[in-house]
PDB file of N, CA and C in Angstrom:
ATOM      1  N   UNK A   1      43.335   6.433  -7.294  1.00  0.00           N
ATOM      2  CA  UNK A   1      41.934   6.633  -6.947  1.00  0.00           C
ATOM      3  C   UNK A   1      41.074   6.457  -8.198  1.00  0.00           C
ATOM      4  N   UNK A   2      40.010   5.716  -8.076  1.00  0.00           N
ATOM      5  CA  UNK A   2      39.149   5.469  -9.231  1.00  0.00           C
ATOM      6  C   UNK A   2      38.193   6.626  -9.441  1.00  0.00           C
ATOM      7  N   UNK A   3      37.714   6.722 -10.658  1.00  0.00           N
ATOM      8  CA  UNK A   3      36.734   7.748 -10.996  1.00  0.00           C
ATOM      9  C   UNK A   3      35.425   7.467 -10.260  1.00  0.00           C
ATOM     10  N   UNK A   4      34.753   8.500  -9.767  1.00  0.00           N
ATOM     11  CA  UNK A   4      33.447   8.258  -9.149  1.00  0.00           C
ATOM     12  C   UNK A   4      32.458   7.760 -10.202  1.00  0.00           C
ATOM     13  N   UNK A   5      31.561   6.888  -9.787  1.00  0.00           N
ATOM     14  CA  UNK A   5      30.516   6.400 -10.701  1.00  0.00           C
ATOM     15  C   UNK A   5      29.541   7.533 -10.986  1.00  0.00           C
ATOM     16  N   UNK A   6      29.025   7.594 -12.212  1.00  0.00           N
ATOM     17  CA  UNK A   6      27.965   8.582 -12.459  1.00  0.00           C
ATOM     18  C   UNK A   6      26.698   8.181 -11.706  1.00  0.00           C
ATOM     19  N   UNK A   7      25.839   9.153 -11.476  1.00  0.00           N
ATOM     20  CA  UNK A   7      24.566   8.891 -10.809  1.00  0.00           C
ATOM     21  C   UNK A   7      23.461   9.033 -11.846  1.00  0.00           C
ATOM     22  N   UNK A   8      22.564   8.068 -11.861  1.00  0.00           N
ATOM     23  CA  UNK A   8      21.418   8.146 -12.758  1.00  0.00           C
ATOM     24  C   UNK A   8      20.153   8.131 -11.913  1.00  0.00           C
ATOM     25  N   UNK A   9      19.367   9.193 -12.042  1.00  0.00           N
ATOM     26  CA  UNK A   9      18.114   9.303 -11.297  1.00  0.00           C
ATOM     27  C   UNK A   9      16.991   8.708 -12.140  1.00  0.00           C
ATOM     28  N   UNK A  10      16.201   7.844 -11.536  1.00  0.00           N
ATOM     29  CA  UNK A  10      15.105   7.188 -12.253  1.00  0.00           C
ATOM     30  C   UNK A  10      13.784   7.877 -11.937  1.00  0.00           C
ATOM     31  N   UNK A  11      12.917   7.937 -12.957  1.00  0.00           N
ATOM     32  CA  UNK A  11      11.601   8.533 -12.765  1.00  0.00           C
ATOM     33  C   UNK A  11      11.707   9.968 -12.275  1.00  0.00           C
ATOM     34  N   UNK A  12      10.926  10.306 -11.266  1.00  0.00           N
ATOM     35  CA  UNK A  12      10.914  11.679 -10.731  1.00  0.00           C
ATOM     36  C   UNK A  12      11.821  11.830  -9.513  1.00  0.00           C
ATOM     37  N   UNK A  13      12.766  10.896  -9.336  1.00  0.00           N
ATOM     38  CA  UNK A  13      13.564  10.920  -8.101  1.00  0.00           C
ATOM     39  C   UNK A  13      14.413  12.185  -7.962  1.00  0.00           C
ATOM     40  N   UNK A  14      14.920  12.735  -9.068  1.00  0.00           N
ATOM     41  CA  UNK A  14      15.708  13.968  -8.968  1.00  0.00           C
ATOM     42  C   UNK A  14      14.820  15.135  -8.553  1.00  0.00           C
ATOM     43  N   UNK A  15      13.634  15.235  -9.143  1.00  0.00           N
ATOM     44  CA  UNK A  15      12.695  16.302  -8.745  1.00  0.00           C
ATOM     45  C   UNK A  15      12.317  16.159  -7.274  1.00  0.00           C
ATOM     46  N   UNK A  16      12.090  14.917  -6.843  1.00  0.00           N
ATOM     47  CA  UNK A  16      11.729  14.673  -5.441  1.00  0.00           C
ATOM     48  C   UNK A  16      12.871  15.090  -4.513  1.00  0.00           C
ATOM     49  N   UNK A  17      14.101  14.777  -4.915  1.00  0.00           N
ATOM     50  CA  UNK A  17      15.264  15.156  -4.109  1.00  0.00           C
ATOM     51  C   UNK A  17      15.393  16.675  -4.047  1.00  0.00           C
ATOM     52  N   UNK A  18      15.158  17.333  -5.156  1.00  0.00           N
ATOM     53  CA  UNK A  18      15.248  18.802  -5.195  1.00  0.00           C
ATOM     54  C   UNK A  18      14.183  19.453  -4.318  1.00  0.00           C
ATOM     55  N   UNK A  19      13.106  18.718  -4.024  1.00  0.00           N
ATOM     56  CA  UNK A  19      12.038  19.255  -3.177  1.00  0.00           C
ATOM     57  C   UNK A  19      12.355  19.115  -1.681  1.00  0.00           C
ATOM     58  N   UNK A  20      13.405  18.365  -1.333  1.00  0.00           N
ATOM     59  CA  UNK A  20      13.802  18.247   0.075  1.00  0.00           C
ATOM     60  C   UNK A  20      14.207  19.629   0.589  1.00  0.00           C
ATOM     61  N   UNK A  21      14.052  19.885   1.886  1.00  0.00           N
ATOM     62  CA  UNK A  21      14.580  21.124   2.466  1.00  0.00           C
ATOM     63  C   UNK A  21      16.110  21.182   2.254  1.00  0.00           C
ATOM     64  N   UNK A  22      16.661  22.380   2.242  1.00  0.00           N
ATOM     65  CA  UNK A  22      18.072  22.575   1.900  1.00  0.00           C
ATOM     66  C   UNK A  22      19.019  21.668   2.687  1.00  0.00           C
ATOM     67  N   UNK A  23      18.875  21.606   4.006  1.00  0.00           N
ATOM     68  CA  UNK A  23      19.800  20.807   4.822  1.00  0.00           C
ATOM     69  C   UNK A  23      19.729  19.327   4.445  1.00  0.00           C
ATOM     70  N   UNK A  24      18.523  18.817   4.253  1.00  0.00           N
ATOM     71  CA  UNK A  24      18.351  17.407   3.883  1.00  0.00           C
ATOM     72  C   UNK A  24      18.897  17.161   2.480  1.00  0.00           C
ATOM     73  N   UNK A  25      18.692  18.117   1.578  1.00  0.00           N
ATOM     74  CA  UNK A  25      19.194  17.994   0.200  1.00  0.00           C
ATOM     75  C   UNK A  25      20.722  17.943   0.192  1.00  0.00           C
ATOM     76  N   UNK A  26      21.329  18.813   0.981  1.00  0.00           N
ATOM     77  CA  UNK A  26      22.804  18.817   1.066  1.00  0.00           C
ATOM     78  C   UNK A  26      23.328  17.501   1.625  1.00  0.00           C
ATOM     79  N   UNK A  27      22.675  17.016   2.660  1.00  0.00           N
ATOM     80  CA  UNK A  27      23.094  15.753   3.276  1.00  0.00           C
ATOM     81  C   UNK A  27      22.931  14.604   2.287  1.00  0.00           C
ATOM     82  N   UNK A  28      21.820  14.589   1.555  1.00  0.00           N
ATOM     83  CA  UNK A  28      21.598  13.545   0.547  1.00  0.00           C
ATOM     84  C   UNK A  28      22.699  13.600  -0.516  1.00  0.00           C
ATOM     85  N   UNK A  29      23.034  14.795  -0.953  1.00  0.00           N
ATOM     86  CA  UNK A  29      24.101  14.952  -1.945  1.00  0.00           C
ATOM     87  C   UNK A  29      25.424  14.423  -1.437  1.00  0.00           C
ATOM     88  N   UNK A  30      25.740  14.713  -0.190  1.00  0.00           N
ATOM     89  CA  UNK A  30      26.984  14.233   0.420  1.00  0.00           C
ATOM     90  C   UNK A  30      26.998  12.710   0.485  1.00  0.00           C
ATOM     91  N   UNK A  31      25.882  12.126   0.897  1.00  0.00           N
ATOM     92  CA  UNK A  31      25.812  10.664   1.022  1.00  0.00           C
ATOM     93  C   UNK A  31      25.909   9.984  -0.348  1.00  0.00           C
ATOM     94  N   UNK A  32      25.228  10.544  -1.349  1.00  0.00           N
ATOM     95  CA  UNK A  32      25.308   9.988  -2.702  1.00  0.00           C
ATOM     96  C   UNK A  32      26.734  10.094  -3.229  1.00  0.00           C
ATOM     97  N   UNK A  33      27.410  11.192  -2.920  1.00  0.00           N
ATOM     98  CA  UNK A  33      28.803  11.371  -3.320  1.00  0.00           C
ATOM     99  C   UNK A  33      29.685  10.261  -2.724  1.00  0.00           C
ATOM    100  N   UNK A  34      29.450   9.926  -1.467  1.00  0.00           N
ATOM    101  CA  UNK A  34      30.211   8.840  -0.836  1.00  0.00           C
ATOM    102  C   UNK A  34      29.990   7.530  -1.582  1.00  0.00           C
ATOM    103  N   UNK A  35      28.728   7.254  -1.950  1.00  0.00           N
ATOM    104  CA  UNK A  35      28.404   6.028  -2.675  1.00  0.00           C
ATOM    105  C   UNK A  35      29.104   6.027  -4.033  1.00  0.00           C
ATOM    106  N   UNK A  36      29.095   7.166  -4.716  1.00  0.00           N
ATOM    107  CA  UNK A  36      29.761   7.268  -6.014  1.00  0.00           C
ATOM    108  C   UNK A  36      31.241   6.908  -5.919  1.00  0.00           C
ATOM    109  N   UNK A  37      31.828   7.209  -4.775  1.00  0.00           N
ATOM    110  CA  UNK A  37      33.250   6.964  -4.567  1.00  0.00           C
ATOM    111  C   UNK A  37      33.539   5.632  -3.879  1.00  0.00           C
ATOM    112  N   UNK A  38      32.549   4.739  -3.896  1.00  0.00           N
ATOM    113  CA  UNK A  38      32.758   3.382  -3.400  1.00  0.00           C
ATOM    114  C   UNK A  38      32.647   3.211  -1.899  1.00  0.00           C
ATOM    115  N   UNK A  39      32.162   4.220  -1.195  1.00  0.00           N
ATOM    116  CA  UNK A  39      32.017   4.115   0.257  1.00  0.00           C
ATOM    117  C   UNK A  39      30.550   3.891   0.615  1.00  0.00           C
ATOM    118  N   UNK A  40      30.314   3.507   1.843  1.00  0.00           N
ATOM    119  CA  UNK A  40      28.939   3.364   2.331  1.00  0.00           C
ATOM    120  C   UNK A  40      28.468   4.719   2.848  1.00  0.00           C
ATOM    121  N   UNK A  41      27.165   4.990   2.750  1.00  0.00           N
ATOM    122  CA  UNK A  41      26.620   6.200   3.387  1.00  0.00           C
ATOM    123  C   UNK A  41      26.742   6.077   4.910  1.00  0.00           C
ATOM    124  N   UNK A  42      26.619   7.192   5.614  1.00  0.00           N
ATOM    125  CA  UNK A  42      26.756   7.179   7.079  1.00  0.00           C
ATOM    126  C   UNK A  42      25.622   6.410   7.758  1.00  0.00           C
ATOM    127  N   UNK A  43      24.410   6.554   7.264  1.00  0.00           N
ATOM    128  CA  UNK A  43      23.248   5.894   7.881  1.00  0.00           C
ATOM    129  C   UNK A  43      22.429   5.260   6.767  1.00  0.00           C
ATOM    130  N   UNK A  44      22.433   3.940   6.717  1.00  0.00           N
ATOM    131  CA  UNK A  44      21.715   3.242   5.654  1.00  0.00           C
ATOM    132  C   UNK A  44      21.234   1.893   6.144  1.00  0.00           C
ATOM    133  N   UNK A  45      20.335   1.306   5.366  1.00  0.00           N
ATOM    134  CA  UNK A  45      19.920  -0.068   5.645  1.00  0.00           C
ATOM    135  C   UNK A  45      19.622  -0.756   4.317  1.00  0.00           C
ATOM    136  N   UNK A  46      19.789  -2.070   4.273  1.00  0.00           N
ATOM    137  CA  UNK A  46      19.460  -2.792   3.039  1.00  0.00           C
ATOM    138  C   UNK A  46      17.947  -2.787   2.815  1.00  0.00           C
ATOM    139  N   UNK A  47      17.558  -2.753   1.561  1.00  0.00           N
ATOM    140  CA  UNK A  47      16.135  -2.761   1.196  1.00  0.00           C
ATOM    141  C   UNK A  47      15.867  -3.973   0.313  1.00  0.00           C
ATOM    142  N   UNK A  48      16.000  -5.162   0.894  1.00  0.00           N
ATOM    143  CA  UNK A  48      15.815  -6.392   0.128  1.00  0.00           C
ATOM    144  C   UNK A  48      14.376  -6.537  -0.361  1.00  0.00           C
ATOM    145  N   UNK A  49      13.444  -5.815   0.268  1.00  0.00           N
ATOM    146  CA  UNK A  49      12.056  -5.852  -0.210  1.00  0.00           C
ATOM    147  C   UNK A  49      11.942  -5.201  -1.586  1.00  0.00           C
ATOM    148  N   UNK A  50      12.884  -4.326  -1.923  1.00  0.00           N
ATOM    149  CA  UNK A  50      12.891  -3.671  -3.236  1.00  0.00           C
ATOM    150  C   UNK A  50      13.644  -4.531  -4.248  1.00  0.00           C
ATOM    151  N   UNK A  51      14.816  -5.038  -3.841  1.00  0.00           N
ATOM    152  CA  UNK A  51      15.614  -5.856  -4.746  1.00  0.00           C
ATOM    153  C   UNK A  51      16.977  -6.142  -4.152  1.00  0.00           C
ATOM    154  N   UNK A  52      17.667  -7.103  -4.742  1.00  0.00           N
ATOM    155  CA  UNK A  52      18.975  -7.498  -4.249  1.00  0.00           C
ATOM    156  C   UNK A  52      19.984  -6.368  -4.458  1.00  0.00           C
ATOM    157  N   UNK A  53      20.686  -6.002  -3.387  1.00  0.00           N
ATOM    158  CA  UNK A  53      21.699  -4.951  -3.484  1.00  0.00           C
ATOM    159  C   UNK A  53      21.152  -3.542  -3.334  1.00  0.00           C
ATOM    160  N   UNK A  54      19.837  -3.412  -3.155  1.00  0.00           N
ATOM    161  CA  UNK A  54      19.227  -2.080  -3.008  1.00  0.00           C
ATOM    162  C   UNK A  54      19.387  -1.620  -1.561  1.00  0.00           C
ATOM    163  N   UNK A  55      19.734  -0.341  -1.405  1.00  0.00           N
ATOM    164  CA  UNK A  55      19.937   0.226  -0.066  1.00  0.00           C
ATOM    165  C   UNK A  55      19.164   1.527   0.059  1.00  0.00           C
ATOM    166  N   UNK A  56      18.945   1.919   1.313  1.00  0.00           N
ATOM    167  CA  UNK A  56      18.215   3.147   1.614  1.00  0.00           C
ATOM    168  C   UNK A  56      19.104   4.035   2.477  1.00  0.00           C
ATOM    169  N   UNK A  57      19.332   5.252   2.002  1.00  0.00           N
ATOM    170  CA  UNK A  57      20.046   6.248   2.804  1.00  0.00           C
ATOM    171  C   UNK A  57      19.017   6.914   3.709  1.00  0.00           C
ATOM    172  N   UNK A  58      19.347   6.992   4.996  1.00  0.00           N
ATOM    173  CA  UNK A  58      18.419   7.590   5.964  1.00  0.00           C
ATOM    174  C   UNK A  58      18.952   8.960   6.385  1.00  0.00           C
ATOM    175  N   UNK A  59      18.111   9.960   6.227  1.00  0.00           N
ATOM    176  CA  UNK A  59      18.488  11.335   6.570  1.00  0.00           C
ATOM    177  C   UNK A  59      17.436  11.881   7.525  1.00  0.00           C
ATOM    178  N   UNK A  60      17.901  12.424   8.646  1.00  0.00           N
ATOM    179  CA  UNK A  60      16.983  13.047   9.596  1.00  0.00           C
ATOM    180  C   UNK A  60      17.422  14.494   9.779  1.00  0.00           C
ATOM    181  N   UNK A  61      16.466  15.395   9.713  1.00  0.00           N
ATOM    182  CA  UNK A  61      16.784  16.780  10.059  1.00  0.00           C
ATOM    183  C   UNK A  61      15.554  17.411  10.703  1.00  0.00           C
ATOM    184  N   UNK A  62      15.624  18.702  10.968  1.00  0.00           N
ATOM    185  CA  UNK A  62      14.542  19.378  11.685  1.00  0.00           C
ATOM    186  C   UNK A  62      13.205  19.244  10.956  1.00  0.00           C
ATOM    187  N   UNK A  63      13.236  19.116   9.640  1.00  0.00           N
ATOM    188  CA  UNK A  63      11.999  19.039   8.855  1.00  0.00           C
ATOM    189  C   UNK A  63      11.415  17.628   8.812  1.00  0.00           C
ATOM    190  N   UNK A  64      12.154  16.640   9.300  1.00  0.00           N
ATOM    191  CA  UNK A  64      11.624  15.288   9.318  1.00  0.00           C
ATOM    192  C   UNK A  64      12.624  14.251   8.843  1.00  0.00           C
ATOM    193  N   UNK A  65      12.090  13.111   8.412  1.00  0.00           N
ATOM    194  CA  UNK A  65      12.917  11.989   7.954  1.00  0.00           C
ATOM    195  C   UNK A  65      12.806  11.883   6.433  1.00  0.00           C
ATOM    196  N   UNK A  66      13.939  11.733   5.784  1.00  0.00           N
ATOM    197  CA  UNK A  66      13.980  11.649   4.333  1.00  0.00           C
ATOM    198  C   UNK A  66      14.730  10.389   3.929  1.00  0.00           C
ATOM    199  N   UNK A  67      14.356   9.831   2.778  1.00  0.00           N
ATOM    200  CA  UNK A  67      14.960   8.588   2.316  1.00  0.00           C
ATOM    201  C   UNK A  67      15.360   8.694   0.857  1.00  0.00           C
ATOM    202  N   UNK A  68      16.510   8.080   0.543  1.00  0.00           N
ATOM    203  CA  UNK A  68      16.977   7.955  -0.835  1.00  0.00           C
ATOM    204  C   UNK A  68      17.233   6.464  -1.055  1.00  0.00           C
ATOM    205  N   UNK A  69      16.454   5.849  -1.936  1.00  0.00           N
ATOM    206  CA  UNK A  69      16.630   4.424  -2.231  1.00  0.00           C
ATOM    207  C   UNK A  69      17.462   4.319  -3.502  1.00  0.00           C
ATOM    208  N   UNK A  70      18.533   3.532  -3.432  1.00  0.00           N
ATOM    209  CA  UNK A  70      19.461   3.457  -4.564  1.00  0.00           C
ATOM    210  C   UNK A  70      20.033   2.052  -4.686  1.00  0.00           C
ATOM    211  N   UNK A  71      20.668   1.806  -5.829  1.00  0.00           N
ATOM    212  CA  UNK A  71      21.417   0.566  -6.019  1.00  0.00           C
ATOM    213  C   UNK A  71      22.747   0.950  -6.663  1.00  0.00           C
ATOM    214  N   UNK A  72      23.839   0.428  -6.101  1.00  0.00           N
ATOM    215  CA  UNK A  72      25.179   0.789  -6.582  1.00  0.00           C
ATOM    216  C   UNK A  72      25.980  -0.424  -7.026  1.00  0.00           C
ATOM    217  N   UNK A  73      25.324  -1.590  -7.144  1.00  0.00           N
ATOM    218  CA  UNK A  73      26.080  -2.808  -7.434  1.00  0.00           C
ATOM    219  C   UNK A  73      26.488  -2.940  -8.905  1.00  0.00           C
ATOM    220  N   UNK A  74      25.948  -2.105  -9.772  1.00  0.00           N
ATOM    221  CA  UNK A  74      26.298  -2.177 -11.185  1.00  0.00           C
ATOM    222  C   UNK A  74      27.548  -1.347 -11.465  1.00  0.00           C
ATOM    223  N   UNK A  75      28.340  -1.783 -12.423  1.00  0.00           N
ATOM    224  CA  UNK A  75      29.614  -1.112 -12.711  1.00  0.00           C
ATOM    225  C   UNK A  75      29.421   0.256 -13.362  1.00  0.00           C
ATOM    226  N   UNK A  76      28.326   0.418 -14.122  1.00  0.00           N
ATOM    227  CA  UNK A  76      28.196   1.623 -14.936  1.00  0.00           C
ATOM    228  C   UNK A  76      27.706   2.867 -14.192  1.00  0.00           C
ATOM    229  N   UNK A  77      26.915   2.704 -13.127  1.00  0.00           N
ATOM    230  CA  UNK A  77      26.344   3.881 -12.465  1.00  0.00           C
ATOM    231  C   UNK A  77      25.752   3.529 -11.108  1.00  0.00           C
ATOM    232  N   UNK A  78      25.503   4.584 -10.326  1.00  0.00           N
ATOM    233  CA  UNK A  78      24.691   4.482  -9.115  1.00  0.00           C
ATOM    234  C   UNK A  78      23.292   4.909  -9.547  1.00  0.00           C
ATOM    235  N   UNK A  79      22.329   4.040  -9.352  1.00  0.00           N
ATOM    236  CA  UNK A  79      20.951   4.350  -9.755  1.00  0.00           C
ATOM    237  C   UNK A  79      20.153   4.774  -8.538  1.00  0.00           C
ATOM    238  N   UNK A  80      19.668   6.020  -8.550  1.00  0.00           N
ATOM    239  CA  UNK A  80      18.785   6.497  -7.496  1.00  0.00           C
ATOM    240  C   UNK A  80      17.373   6.161  -7.950  1.00  0.00           C
ATOM    241  N   UNK A  81      16.739   5.255  -7.221  1.00  0.00           N
ATOM    242  CA  UNK A  81      15.444   4.725  -7.627  1.00  0.00           C
ATOM    243  C   UNK A  81      14.277   5.578  -7.137  1.00  0.00           C
ATOM    244  N   UNK A  82      14.421   6.133  -5.926  1.00  0.00           N
ATOM    245  CA  UNK A  82      13.288   6.849  -5.336  1.00  0.00           C
ATOM    246  C   UNK A  82      13.783   7.726  -4.193  1.00  0.00           C
ATOM    247  N   UNK A  83      13.226   8.928  -4.089  1.00  0.00           N
ATOM    248  CA  UNK A  83      13.517   9.842  -2.975  1.00  0.00           C
ATOM    249  C   UNK A  83      12.173  10.313  -2.414  1.00  0.00           C
ATOM    250  N   UNK A  84      12.071  10.349  -1.091  1.00  0.00           N
ATOM    251  CA  UNK A  84      10.797  10.756  -0.495  1.00  0.00           C
ATOM    252  C   UNK A  84      10.990  11.162   0.954  1.00  0.00           C
ATOM    253  N   UNK A  85       9.993  11.899   1.464  1.00  0.00           N
ATOM    254  CA  UNK A  85       9.955  12.209   2.891  1.00  0.00           C
ATOM    255  C   UNK A  85       9.152  11.118   3.566  1.00  0.00           C
ATOM    256  N   UNK A  86       9.701  10.589   4.626  1.00  0.00           N
ATOM    257  CA  UNK A  86       9.042   9.504   5.346  1.00  0.00           C
ATOM    258  C   UNK A  86       8.110  10.095   6.395  1.00  0.00           C
ATOM    259  N   UNK A  87       6.855   9.676   6.356  1.00  0.00           N
ATOM    260  CA  UNK A  87       5.846  10.244   7.256  1.00  0.00           C
ATOM    261  C   UNK A  87       5.468   9.295   8.384  1.00  0.00           C
ATOM    262  N   UNK A  88       5.754   7.997   8.221  1.00  0.00           N
ATOM    263  CA  UNK A  88       5.364   7.002   9.221  1.00  0.00           C
ATOM    264  C   UNK A  88       6.580   6.140   9.551  1.00  0.00           C
ATOM    265  N   UNK A  89       6.543   5.402  10.663  1.00  0.00           N
ATOM    266  CA  UNK A  89       7.694   4.558  11.020  1.00  0.00           C
ATOM    267  C   UNK A  89       8.020   3.497   9.953  1.00  0.00           C
ATOM    268  N   UNK A  90       6.985   3.016   9.267  1.00  0.00           N
ATOM    269  CA  UNK A  90       7.207   1.961   8.280  1.00  0.00           C
ATOM    270  C   UNK A  90       7.143   2.578   6.880  1.00  0.00           C
ATOM    271  N   UNK A  91       8.080   2.203   6.016  1.00  0.00           N
ATOM    272  CA  UNK A  91       8.049   2.702   4.640  1.00  0.00           C
ATOM    273  C   UNK A  91       6.787   2.190   3.952  1.00  0.00           C
ATOM    274  N   UNK A  92       6.076   3.083   3.278  1.00  0.00           N
ATOM    275  CA  UNK A  92       4.794   2.698   2.676  1.00  0.00           C
ATOM    276  C   UNK A  92       4.984   1.710   1.533  1.00  0.00           C
ATOM    277  N   UNK A  93       3.977   0.897   1.329  1.00  0.00           N
ATOM    278  CA  UNK A  93       4.003  -0.093   0.250  1.00  0.00           C
ATOM    279  C   UNK A  93       4.136   0.608  -1.099  1.00  0.00           C
ATOM    280  N   UNK A  94       3.493   1.757  -1.253  1.00  0.00           N
ATOM    281  CA  UNK A  94       3.562   2.502  -2.515  1.00  0.00           C
ATOM    282  C   UNK A  94       5.007   2.915  -2.817  1.00  0.00           C
ATOM    283  N   UNK A  95       5.740   3.391  -1.790  1.00  0.00           N
ATOM    284  CA  UNK A  95       7.137   3.780  -1.987  1.00  0.00           C
ATOM    285  C   UNK A  95       7.994   2.567  -2.351  1.00  0.00           C
ATOM    286  N   UNK A  96       7.777   1.448  -1.667  1.00  0.00           N
ATOM    287  CA  UNK A  96       8.537   0.231  -1.948  1.00  0.00           C
ATOM    288  C   UNK A  96       8.222  -0.285  -3.356  1.00  0.00           C
ATOM    289  N   UNK A  97       6.942  -0.302  -3.714  1.00  0.00           N
ATOM    290  CA  UNK A  97       6.539  -0.789  -5.038  1.00  0.00           C
ATOM    291  C   UNK A  97       7.126   0.066  -6.158  1.00  0.00           C
ATOM    292  N   UNK A  98       7.126   1.391  -5.968  1.00  0.00           N
ATOM    293  CA  UNK A  98       7.671   2.290  -6.981  1.00  0.00           C
ATOM    294  C   UNK A  98       9.165   2.039  -7.158  1.00  0.00           C
ATOM    295  N   UNK A  99       9.893   1.955  -6.051  1.00  0.00           N
ATOM    296  CA  UNK A  99      11.337   1.693  -6.127  1.00  0.00           C
ATOM    297  C   UNK A  99      11.593   0.332  -6.773  1.00  0.00           C
ATOM    298  N   UNK A 100      10.782  -0.673  -6.434  1.00  0.00           N
ATOM    299  CA  UNK A 100      10.962  -2.020  -6.993  1.00  0.00           C
ATOM    300  C   UNK A 100      10.726  -2.029  -8.499  1.00  0.00           C
ATOM    301  N   UNK A 101       9.730  -1.278  -8.961  1.00  0.00           N
ATOM    302  CA  UNK A 101       9.468  -1.211 -10.398  1.00  0.00           C
ATOM    303  C   UNK A 101      10.656  -0.577 -11.110  1.00  0.00           C
ATOM    304  N   UNK A 102      11.183   0.500 -10.553  1.00  0.00           N
ATOM    305  CA  UNK A 102      12.328   1.178 -11.175  1.00  0.00           C
ATOM    306  C   UNK A 102      13.567   0.279 -11.142  1.00  0.00           C
ATOM    307  N   UNK A 103      13.709  -0.507 -10.082  1.00  0.00           N
ATOM    308  CA  UNK A 103      14.814  -1.462  -9.993  1.00  0.00           C
ATOM    309  C   UNK A 103      14.695  -2.512 -11.102  1.00  0.00           C
ATOM    310  N   UNK A 104      13.500  -3.038 -11.296  1.00  0.00           N
ATOM    311  CA  UNK A 104      13.287  -4.030 -12.367  1.00  0.00           C
ATOM    312  C   UNK A 104      13.612  -3.429 -13.730  1.00  0.00           C
ATOM    313  N   UNK A 105      13.261  -2.156 -13.939  1.00  0.00           N
ATOM    314  CA  UNK A 105      13.579  -1.484 -15.206  1.00  0.00           C
ATOM    315  C   UNK A 105      15.093  -1.398 -15.411  1.00  0.00           C
ATOM    316  N   UNK A 106      15.826  -1.080 -14.341  1.00  0.00           N
ATOM    317  CA  UNK A 106      17.294  -1.018 -14.434  1.00  0.00           C
ATOM    318  C   UNK A 106      17.843  -2.401 -14.791  1.00  0.00           C
ATOM    319  N   UNK A 107      17.319  -3.445 -14.153  1.00  0.00           N
ATOM    320  CA  UNK A 107      17.770  -4.807 -14.458  1.00  0.00           C
ATOM    321  C   UNK A 107      17.546  -5.148 -15.924  1.00  0.00           C
ATOM    322  N   UNK A 108      16.368  -4.808 -16.446  1.00  0.00           N
ATOM    323  CA  UNK A 108      16.053  -5.083 -17.859  1.00  0.00           C
ATOM    324  C   UNK A 108      17.032  -4.363 -18.776  1.00  0.00           C
ATOM    325  N   UNK A 109      17.259  -3.074 -18.499  1.00  0.00           N
ATOM    326  CA  UNK A 109      18.131  -2.268 -19.358  1.00  0.00           C
ATOM    327  C   UNK A 109      19.574  -2.754 -19.322  1.00  0.00           C
ATOM    328  N   UNK A 110      20.007  -3.257 -18.171  1.00  0.00           N
ATOM    329  CA  UNK A 110      21.405  -3.695 -18.048  1.00  0.00           C
ATOM    330  C   UNK A 110      21.581  -5.161 -18.458  1.00  0.00           C
ATOM    331  N   UNK A 111      20.491  -5.802 -18.845  1.00  0.00           N
ATOM    332  CA  UNK A 111      20.566  -7.185 -19.301  1.00  0.00           C
ATOM    333  C   UNK A 111      20.831  -8.179 -18.195  1.00  0.00           C
ATOM    334  N   UNK A 112      20.482  -7.839 -16.962  1.00  0.00           N
ATOM    335  CA  UNK A 112      20.723  -8.728 -15.818  1.00  0.00           C
ATOM    336  C   UNK A 112      19.630  -9.760 -15.692  1.00  0.00           C
TER     337      UNK A 112
END
């Protein structure tokens, strides 16, 4: 069994995740753990609008819909780009733009 990849939270994504209600936070942690161990999350979709290889973990609980946008295609770490509560059916442009900027920063740092 391989070592799980470390997780690197970009910007305020860790603080945002910590602000999720307990049940959603636990579920997000479980899903990120699966990604660290090379598995897919239970409910996800590709986020090609953010960048190549970027995915969104979808979490629903009594408090609403929550999202964790991440990229796991790099060998060194799983990068959590953005965490937020979703208020509308469509992900807001501001959320997509923020995740895309953080994705570009990861690409620059990794020399991609």
